[in-house]
PDB file of N, CA and C in Angstrom:
ATOM      1  N   UNK A   1     -45.310  92.173-228.359  1.00  0.00           N
ATOM      2  CA  UNK A   1     -45.076  91.283-227.244  1.00  0.00           C
ATOM      3  C   UNK A   1     -43.709  91.540-226.613  1.00  0.00           C
ATOM      4  N   UNK A   2     -42.685  91.789-227.413  1.00  0.00           N
ATOM      5  CA  UNK A   2     -41.340  92.024-226.883  1.00  0.00           C
ATOM      6  C   UNK A   2     -41.299  93.272-226.018  1.00  0.00           C
ATOM      7  N   UNK A   3     -41.907  94.352-226.477  1.00  0.00           N
ATOM      8  CA  UNK A   3     -41.898  95.599-225.710  1.00  0.00           C
ATOM      9  C   UNK A   3     -42.601  95.406-224.379  1.00  0.00           C
ATOM     10  N   UNK A   4     -43.707  94.713-224.371  1.00  0.00           N
ATOM     11  CA  UNK A   4     -44.440  94.450-223.134  1.00  0.00           C
ATOM     12  C   UNK A   4     -43.612  93.603-222.180  1.00  0.00           C
ATOM     13  N   UNK A   5     -42.940  92.605-222.697  1.00  0.00           N
ATOM     14  CA  UNK A   5     -42.077  91.754-221.871  1.00  0.00           C
ATOM     15  C   UNK A   5     -40.968  92.574-221.221  1.00  0.00           C
ATOM     16  N   UNK A   6     -40.351  93.448-222.000  1.00  0.00           N
ATOM     17  CA  UNK A   6     -39.266  94.276-221.447  1.00  0.00           C
ATOM     18  C   UNK A   6     -39.797  95.279-220.430  1.00  0.00           C
ATOM     19  N   UNK A   7     -41.004  95.795-220.637  1.00  0.00           N
ATOM     20  CA  UNK A   7     -41.597  96.731-219.682  1.00  0.00           C
ATOM     21  C   UNK A   7     -41.875  96.046-218.346  1.00  0.00           C
ATOM     22  N   UNK A   8     -42.255  94.798-218.385  1.00  0.00           N
ATOM     23  CA  UNK A   8     -42.586  94.048-217.163  1.00  0.00           C
ATOM     24  C   UNK A   8     -41.343  93.576-216.411  1.00  0.00           C
ATOM     25  N   UNK A   9     -40.218  93.532-217.080  1.00  0.00           N
ATOM     26  CA  UNK A   9     -38.983  93.030-216.490  1.00  0.00           C
ATOM     27  C   UNK A   9     -38.464  94.015-215.460  1.00  0.00           C
ATOM     28  N   UNK A  10     -38.108  93.516-214.292  1.00  0.00           N
ATOM     29  CA  UNK A  10     -37.516  94.345-213.242  1.00  0.00           C
ATOM     30  C   UNK A  10     -36.011  94.233-213.364  1.00  0.00           C
ATOM     31  N   UNK A  11     -35.423  95.244-213.957  1.00  0.00           N
ATOM     32  CA  UNK A  11     -33.982  95.242-214.227  1.00  0.00           C
ATOM     33  C   UNK A  11     -33.194  95.345-212.928  1.00  0.00           C
ATOM     34  N   UNK A  12     -32.170  94.527-212.767  1.00  0.00           N
ATOM     35  CA  UNK A  12     -31.297  94.655-211.600  1.00  0.00           C
ATOM     36  C   UNK A  12     -30.612  96.019-211.593  1.00  0.00           C
ATOM     37  N   UNK A  13     -30.185  96.451-210.432  1.00  0.00           N
ATOM     38  CA  UNK A  13     -29.563  97.766-210.287  1.00  0.00           C
ATOM     39  C   UNK A  13     -28.311  97.921-211.140  1.00  0.00           C
ATOM     40  N   UNK A  14     -27.593  96.834-211.382  1.00  0.00           N
ATOM     41  CA  UNK A  14     -26.346  96.919-212.136  1.00  0.00           C
ATOM     42  C   UNK A  14     -26.525  96.712-213.640  1.00  0.00           C
ATOM     43  N   UNK A  15     -27.764  96.802-214.119  1.00  0.00           N
ATOM     44  CA  UNK A  15     -28.022  96.650-215.546  1.00  0.00           C
ATOM     45  C   UNK A  15     -27.401  97.815-216.316  1.00  0.00           C
ATOM     46  N   UNK A  16     -26.642  97.523-217.357  1.00  0.00           N
ATOM     47  CA  UNK A  16     -26.096  98.603-218.186  1.00  0.00           C
ATOM     48  C   UNK A  16     -27.224  99.400-218.838  1.00  0.00           C
ATOM     49  N   UNK A  17     -26.928 100.591-219.337  1.00  0.00           N
ATOM     50  CA  UNK A  17     -27.974 101.381-220.003  1.00  0.00           C
ATOM     51  C   UNK A  17     -28.588 100.596-221.170  1.00  0.00           C
ATOM     52  N   UNK A  18     -29.890 100.731-221.309  1.00  0.00           N
ATOM     53  CA  UNK A  18     -30.613 100.078-222.393  1.00  0.00           C
ATOM     54  C   UNK A  18     -31.190 101.148-223.305  1.00  0.00           C
ATOM     55  N   UNK A  19     -31.133 100.898-224.598  1.00  0.00           N
ATOM     56  CA  UNK A  19     -31.646 101.851-225.576  1.00  0.00           C
ATOM     57  C   UNK A  19     -32.576 101.121-226.523  1.00  0.00           C
ATOM     58  N   UNK A  20     -33.644 101.775-226.863  1.00  0.00           N
ATOM     59  CA  UNK A  20     -34.632 101.191-227.754  1.00  0.00           C
ATOM     60  C   UNK A  20     -34.618 101.956-229.069  1.00  0.00           C
ATOM     61  N   UNK A  21     -34.445 101.226-230.158  1.00  0.00           N
ATOM     62  CA  UNK A  21     -34.490 101.831-231.489  1.00  0.00           C
ATOM     63  C   UNK A  21     -35.819 101.440-232.120  1.00  0.00           C
ATOM     64  N   UNK A  22     -36.569 102.433-232.519  1.00  0.00           N
ATOM     65  CA  UNK A  22     -37.840 102.180-233.197  1.00  0.00           C
ATOM     66  C   UNK A  22     -37.565 102.029-234.689  1.00  0.00           C
ATOM     67  N   UNK A  23     -37.616 100.803-235.162  1.00  0.00           N
ATOM     68  CA  UNK A  23     -37.196 100.464-236.511  1.00  0.00           C
ATOM     69  C   UNK A  23     -38.001 101.217-237.574  1.00  0.00           C
ATOM     70  N   UNK A  24     -39.288 101.265-237.425  1.00  0.00           N
ATOM     71  CA  UNK A  24     -40.121 101.926-238.428  1.00  0.00           C
ATOM     72  C   UNK A  24     -39.847 103.425-238.450  1.00  0.00           C
ATOM     73  N   UNK A  25     -39.772 104.029-237.274  1.00  0.00           N
ATOM     74  CA  UNK A  25     -39.577 105.465-237.189  1.00  0.00           C
ATOM     75  C   UNK A  25     -38.155 105.895-237.540  1.00  0.00           C
ATOM     76  N   UNK A  26     -37.182 105.031-237.307  1.00  0.00           N
ATOM     77  CA  UNK A  26     -35.788 105.389-237.570  1.00  0.00           C
ATOM     78  C   UNK A  26     -35.098 104.275-238.348  1.00  0.00           C
ATOM     79  N   UNK A  27     -35.635 104.012-239.502  1.00  0.00           N
ATOM     80  CA  UNK A  27     -35.140 102.921-240.360  1.00  0.00           C
ATOM     81  C   UNK A  27     -33.671 103.105-240.723  1.00  0.00           C
ATOM     82  N   UNK A  28     -33.248 104.341-241.001  1.00  0.00           N
ATOM     83  CA  UNK A  28     -31.858 104.565-241.401  1.00  0.00           C
ATOM     84  C   UNK A  28     -30.892 104.176-240.285  1.00  0.00           C
ATOM     85  N   UNK A  29     -31.230 104.485-239.033  1.00  0.00           N
ATOM     86  CA  UNK A  29     -30.376 104.091-237.913  1.00  0.00           C
ATOM     87  C   UNK A  29     -30.339 102.578-237.778  1.00  0.00           C
ATOM     88  N   UNK A  30     -31.488 101.959-237.877  1.00  0.00           N
ATOM     89  CA  UNK A  30     -31.570 100.506-237.761  1.00  0.00           C
ATOM     90  C   UNK A  30     -30.723  99.812-238.830  1.00  0.00           C
ATOM     91  N   UNK A  31     -30.836 100.261-240.058  1.00  0.00           N
ATOM     92  CA  UNK A  31     -30.056  99.653-241.143  1.00  0.00           C
ATOM     93  C   UNK A  31     -28.566  99.924-240.978  1.00  0.00           C
ATOM     94  N   UNK A  32     -28.212 101.116-240.515  1.00  0.00           N
ATOM     95  CA  UNK A  32     -26.804 101.448-240.290  1.00  0.00           C
ATOM     96  C   UNK A  32     -26.206 100.563-239.202  1.00  0.00           C
ATOM     97  N   UNK A  33     -26.974 100.305-238.152  1.00  0.00           N
ATOM     98  CA  UNK A  33     -26.500  99.430-237.075  1.00  0.00           C
ATOM     99  C   UNK A  33     -26.286  98.011-237.592  1.00  0.00           C
ATOM    100  N   UNK A  34     -27.226  97.516-238.369  1.00  0.00           N
ATOM    101  CA  UNK A  34     -27.103  96.166-238.928  1.00  0.00           C
ATOM    102  C   UNK A  34     -25.872  96.062-239.822  1.00  0.00           C
ATOM    103  N   UNK A  35     -25.631  97.101-240.608  1.00  0.00           N
ATOM    104  CA  UNK A  35     -24.478  97.108-241.498  1.00  0.00           C
ATOM    105  C   UNK A  35     -23.172  97.220-240.719  1.00  0.00           C
ATOM    106  N   UNK A  36     -23.129  98.128-239.766  1.00  0.00           N
ATOM    107  CA  UNK A  36     -21.904  98.401-239.000  1.00  0.00           C
ATOM    108  C   UNK A  36     -21.441  97.183-238.215  1.00  0.00           C
ATOM    109  N   UNK A  37     -22.382  96.488-237.580  1.00  0.00           N
ATOM    110  CA  UNK A  37     -22.007  95.360-236.729  1.00  0.00           C
ATOM    111  C   UNK A  37     -22.261  94.018-237.391  1.00  0.00           C
ATOM    112  N   UNK A  38     -22.598  94.047-238.672  1.00  0.00           N
ATOM    113  CA  UNK A  38     -22.773  92.830-239.463  1.00  0.00           C
ATOM    114  C   UNK A  38     -23.720  91.826-238.808  1.00  0.00           C
ATOM    115  N   UNK A  39     -24.849  92.338-238.380  1.00  0.00           N
ATOM    116  CA  UNK A  39     -25.892  91.512-237.781  1.00  0.00           C
ATOM    117  C   UNK A  39     -27.127  91.637-238.657  1.00  0.00           C
ATOM    118  N   UNK A  40     -27.677  90.537-239.032  1.00  0.00           N
ATOM    119  CA  UNK A  40     -28.889  90.565-239.862  1.00  0.00           C
ATOM    120  C   UNK A  40     -29.981  91.327-239.133  1.00  0.00           C
ATOM    121  N   UNK A  41     -30.593  92.263-239.810  1.00  0.00           N
ATOM    122  CA  UNK A  41     -31.644  93.080-239.212  1.00  0.00           C
ATOM    123  C   UNK A  41     -32.931  92.282-239.091  1.00  0.00           C
ATOM    124  N   UNK A  42     -33.478  92.252-237.872  1.00  0.00           N
ATOM    125  CA  UNK A  42     -34.765  91.627-237.623  1.00  0.00           C
ATOM    126  C   UNK A  42     -35.527  92.514-236.648  1.00  0.00           C
ATOM    127  N   UNK A  43     -36.814  92.311-236.562  1.00  0.00           N
ATOM    128  CA  UNK A  43     -37.606  93.141-235.664  1.00  0.00           C
ATOM    129  C   UNK A  43     -38.662  92.269-234.990  1.00  0.00           C
ATOM    130  N   UNK A  44     -38.733  92.325-233.667  1.00  0.00           N
ATOM    131  CA  UNK A  44     -37.844  93.070-232.770  1.00  0.00           C
ATOM    132  C   UNK A  44     -36.498  92.352-232.636  1.00  0.00           C
ATOM    133  N   UNK A  45     -35.525  93.102-232.196  1.00  0.00           N
ATOM    134  CA  UNK A  45     -34.171  92.568-232.088  1.00  0.00           C
ATOM    135  C   UNK A  45     -33.508  93.127-230.835  1.00  0.00           C
ATOM    136  N   UNK A  46     -32.717  92.299-230.196  1.00  0.00           N
ATOM    137  CA  UNK A  46     -31.999  92.675-228.995  1.00  0.00           C
ATOM    138  C   UNK A  46     -30.517  92.435-229.236  1.00  0.00           C
ATOM    139  N   UNK A  47     -29.713  93.482-229.039  1.00  0.00           N
ATOM    140  CA  UNK A  47     -28.266  93.410-229.267  1.00  0.00           C
ATOM    141  C   UNK A  47     -27.550  93.777-227.973  1.00  0.00           C
ATOM    142  N   UNK A  48     -26.469  93.087-227.678  1.00  0.00           N
ATOM    143  CA  UNK A  48     -25.674  93.344-226.465  1.00  0.00           C
ATOM    144  C   UNK A  48     -24.251  93.665-226.886  1.00  0.00           C
ATOM    145  N   UNK A  49     -23.824  94.886-226.594  1.00  0.00           N
ATOM    146  CA  UNK A  49     -22.455  95.305-226.895  1.00  0.00           C
ATOM    147  C   UNK A  49     -21.603  95.313-225.642  1.00  0.00           C
ATOM    148  N   UNK A  50     -20.345  95.012-225.801  1.00  0.00           N
ATOM    149  CA  UNK A  50     -19.366  95.155-224.729  1.00  0.00           C
ATOM    150  C   UNK A  50     -18.048  95.503-225.393  1.00  0.00           C
ATOM    151  N   UNK A  51     -17.467  96.611-224.957  1.00  0.00           N
ATOM    152  CA  UNK A  51     -16.199  97.084-225.533  1.00  0.00           C
ATOM    153  C   UNK A  51     -16.273  97.254-227.048  1.00  0.00           C
ATOM    154  N   UNK A  52     -17.395  97.785-227.525  1.00  0.00           N
ATOM    155  CA  UNK A  52     -17.553  98.083-228.944  1.00  0.00           C
ATOM    156  C   UNK A  52     -17.844  96.901-229.845  1.00  0.00           C
ATOM    157  N   UNK A  53     -18.063  95.725-229.253  1.00  0.00           N
ATOM    158  CA  UNK A  53     -18.340  94.533-230.051  1.00  0.00           C
ATOM    159  C   UNK A  53     -19.648  93.897-229.589  1.00  0.00           C
ATOM    160  N   UNK A  54     -20.372  93.338-230.536  1.00  0.00           N
ATOM    161  CA  UNK A  54     -21.592  92.636-230.163  1.00  0.00           C
ATOM    162  C   UNK A  54     -21.215  91.299-229.549  1.00  0.00           C
ATOM    163  N   UNK A  55     -21.676  91.109-228.332  1.00  0.00           N
ATOM    164  CA  UNK A  55     -21.411  89.868-227.613  1.00  0.00           C
ATOM    165  C   UNK A  55     -22.540  88.849-227.802  1.00  0.00           C
ATOM    166  N   UNK A  56     -23.768  89.357-227.851  1.00  0.00           N
ATOM    167  CA  UNK A  56     -24.947  88.504-227.982  1.00  0.00           C
ATOM    168  C   UNK A  56     -25.978  89.245-228.822  1.00  0.00           C
ATOM    169  N   UNK A  57     -26.819  88.492-229.501  1.00  0.00           N
ATOM    170  CA  UNK A  57     -27.970  89.087-230.182  1.00  0.00           C
ATOM    171  C   UNK A  57     -29.043  88.028-230.358  1.00  0.00           C
ATOM    172  N   UNK A  58     -30.271  88.490-230.372  1.00  0.00           N
ATOM    173  CA  UNK A  58     -31.406  87.599-230.582  1.00  0.00           C
ATOM    174  C   UNK A  58     -32.548  88.422-231.145  1.00  0.00           C
ATOM    175  N   UNK A  59     -33.623  87.749-231.483  1.00  0.00           N
ATOM    176  CA  UNK A  59     -34.768  88.461-232.043  1.00  0.00           C
ATOM    177  C   UNK A  59     -36.060  87.717-231.726  1.00  0.00           C
ATOM    178  N   UNK A  60     -37.134  88.353-232.091  1.00  0.00           N
ATOM    179  CA  UNK A  60     -38.486  87.818-231.994  1.00  0.00           C
ATOM    180  C   UNK A  60     -38.848  87.397-230.571  1.00  0.00           C
ATOM    181  N   UNK A  61     -39.190  86.144-230.344  1.00  0.00           N
ATOM    182  CA  UNK A  61     -39.725  85.724-229.047  1.00  0.00           C
ATOM    183  C   UNK A  61     -38.673  85.630-227.952  1.00  0.00           C
ATOM    184  N   UNK A  62     -37.401  85.731-228.295  1.00  0.00           N
ATOM    185  CA  UNK A  62     -36.343  85.721-227.282  1.00  0.00           C
ATOM    186  C   UNK A  62     -36.031  87.125-226.761  1.00  0.00           C
ATOM    187  N   UNK A  63     -36.698  88.148-227.295  1.00  0.00           N
ATOM    188  CA  UNK A  63     -36.499  89.518-226.820  1.00  0.00           C
ATOM    189  C   UNK A  63     -37.335  89.680-225.555  1.00  0.00           C
ATOM    190  N   UNK A  64     -36.658  89.510-224.420  1.00  0.00           N
ATOM    191  CA  UNK A  64     -37.337  89.635-223.120  1.00  0.00           C
ATOM    192  C   UNK A  64     -36.297  89.898-222.041  1.00  0.00           C
ATOM    193  N   UNK A  65     -36.767  90.342-220.919  1.00  0.00           N
ATOM    194  CA  UNK A  65     -35.877  90.689-219.819  1.00  0.00           C
ATOM    195  C   UNK A  65     -35.040  89.525-219.328  1.00  0.00           C
ATOM    196  N   UNK A  66     -35.600  88.336-219.325  1.00  0.00           N
ATOM    197  CA  UNK A  66     -34.833  87.179-218.847  1.00  0.00           C
ATOM    198  C   UNK A  66     -33.632  86.896-219.750  1.00  0.00           C
ATOM    199  N   UNK A  67     -33.752  87.247-221.026  1.00  0.00           N
ATOM    200  CA  UNK A  67     -32.610  87.095-221.936  1.00  0.00           C
ATOM    201  C   UNK A  67     -31.490  88.038-221.526  1.00  0.00           C
ATOM    202  N   UNK A  68     -31.849  89.280-221.210  1.00  0.00           N
ATOM    203  CA  UNK A  68     -30.848  90.255-220.764  1.00  0.00           C
ATOM    204  C   UNK A  68     -30.194  89.786-219.473  1.00  0.00           C
ATOM    205  N   UNK A  69     -30.999  89.288-218.542  1.00  0.00           N
ATOM    206  CA  UNK A  69     -30.450  88.789-217.274  1.00  0.00           C
ATOM    207  C   UNK A  69     -29.444  87.669-217.508  1.00  0.00           C
ATOM    208  N   UNK A  70     -29.779  86.741-218.394  1.00  0.00           N
ATOM    209  CA  UNK A  70     -28.865  85.628-218.695  1.00  0.00           C
ATOM    210  C   UNK A  70     -27.581  86.150-219.321  1.00  0.00           C
ATOM    211  N   UNK A  71     -27.690  87.111-220.235  1.00  0.00           N
ATOM    212  CA  UNK A  71     -26.497  87.690-220.855  1.00  0.00           C
ATOM    213  C   UNK A  71     -25.630  88.389-219.826  1.00  0.00           C
ATOM    214  N   UNK A  72     -26.268  89.073-218.876  1.00  0.00           N
ATOM    215  CA  UNK A  72     -25.500  89.729-217.814  1.00  0.00           C
ATOM    216  C   UNK A  72     -24.725  88.696-217.008  1.00  0.00           C
ATOM    217  N   UNK A  73     -25.379  87.590-216.682  1.00  0.00           N
ATOM    218  CA  UNK A  73     -24.713  86.530-215.923  1.00  0.00           C
ATOM    219  C   UNK A  73     -23.519  85.965-216.696  1.00  0.00           C
ATOM    220  N   UNK A  74     -23.669  85.817-217.993  1.00  0.00           N
ATOM    221  CA  UNK A  74     -22.611  85.239-218.821  1.00  0.00           C
ATOM    222  C   UNK A  74     -21.477  86.219-219.097  1.00  0.00           C
ATOM    223  N   UNK A  75     -21.797  87.513-219.180  1.00  0.00           N
ATOM    224  CA  UNK A  75     -20.836  88.505-219.650  1.00  0.00           C
ATOM    225  C   UNK A  75     -20.219  89.331-218.537  1.00  0.00           C
ATOM    226  N   UNK A  76     -21.040  89.817-217.631  1.00  0.00           N
ATOM    227  CA  UNK A  76     -20.556  90.743-216.606  1.00  0.00           C
ATOM    228  C   UNK A  76     -20.033  90.004-215.378  1.00  0.00           C
ATOM    229  N   UNK A  77     -20.790  89.049-214.879  1.00  0.00           N
ATOM    230  CA  UNK A  77     -20.413  88.361-213.643  1.00  0.00           C
ATOM    231  C   UNK A  77     -19.006  87.772-213.693  1.00  0.00           C
ATOM    232  N   UNK A  78     -18.607  87.085-214.765  1.00  0.00           N
ATOM    233  CA  UNK A  78     -17.243  86.527-214.789  1.00  0.00           C
ATOM    234  C   UNK A  78     -16.148  87.600-214.725  1.00  0.00           C
ATOM    235  N   UNK A  79     -16.463  88.814-215.157  1.00  0.00           N
ATOM    236  CA  UNK A  79     -15.471  89.887-215.158  1.00  0.00           C
ATOM    237  C   UNK A  79     -15.400  90.643-213.832  1.00  0.00           C
ATOM    238  N   UNK A  80     -16.311  90.344-212.909  1.00  0.00           N
ATOM    239  CA  UNK A  80     -16.323  91.043-211.618  1.00  0.00           C
ATOM    240  C   UNK A  80     -15.409  90.380-210.606  1.00  0.00           C
ATOM    241  N   UNK A  81     -15.177  89.096-210.788  1.00  0.00           N
ATOM    242  CA  UNK A  81     -14.546  88.304-209.797  1.00  0.00           C
ATOM    243  C   UNK A  81     -13.119  88.388-209.583  1.00  0.00           C
TER     244      UNK A  81
END
C-alpha cells in the first residue's frame, strides 16, 4: 500500500531526491541505516534527512506522499524565507 501511495503522489518540483531501499533485497543496508541513525527499523518506513540528521520518520500507514509534503512544509519552507 505504501509503494502505491508514493507512486500516485505528484511530487512538487522542489522535492529533494527520494530513494527507495528494498528491505528484503538489501537487508544489510536497511539494518546499517537503522543502526547508524538510531531509528527503529520498520517496514515500510519513511526517513527524512537534512544536513546529515534525521528530521522526521514514520512507518506503515503514514508512508505516503502527503506525509512528505507536510515534512517539506515544516522543514524546507521556513528556511527559504
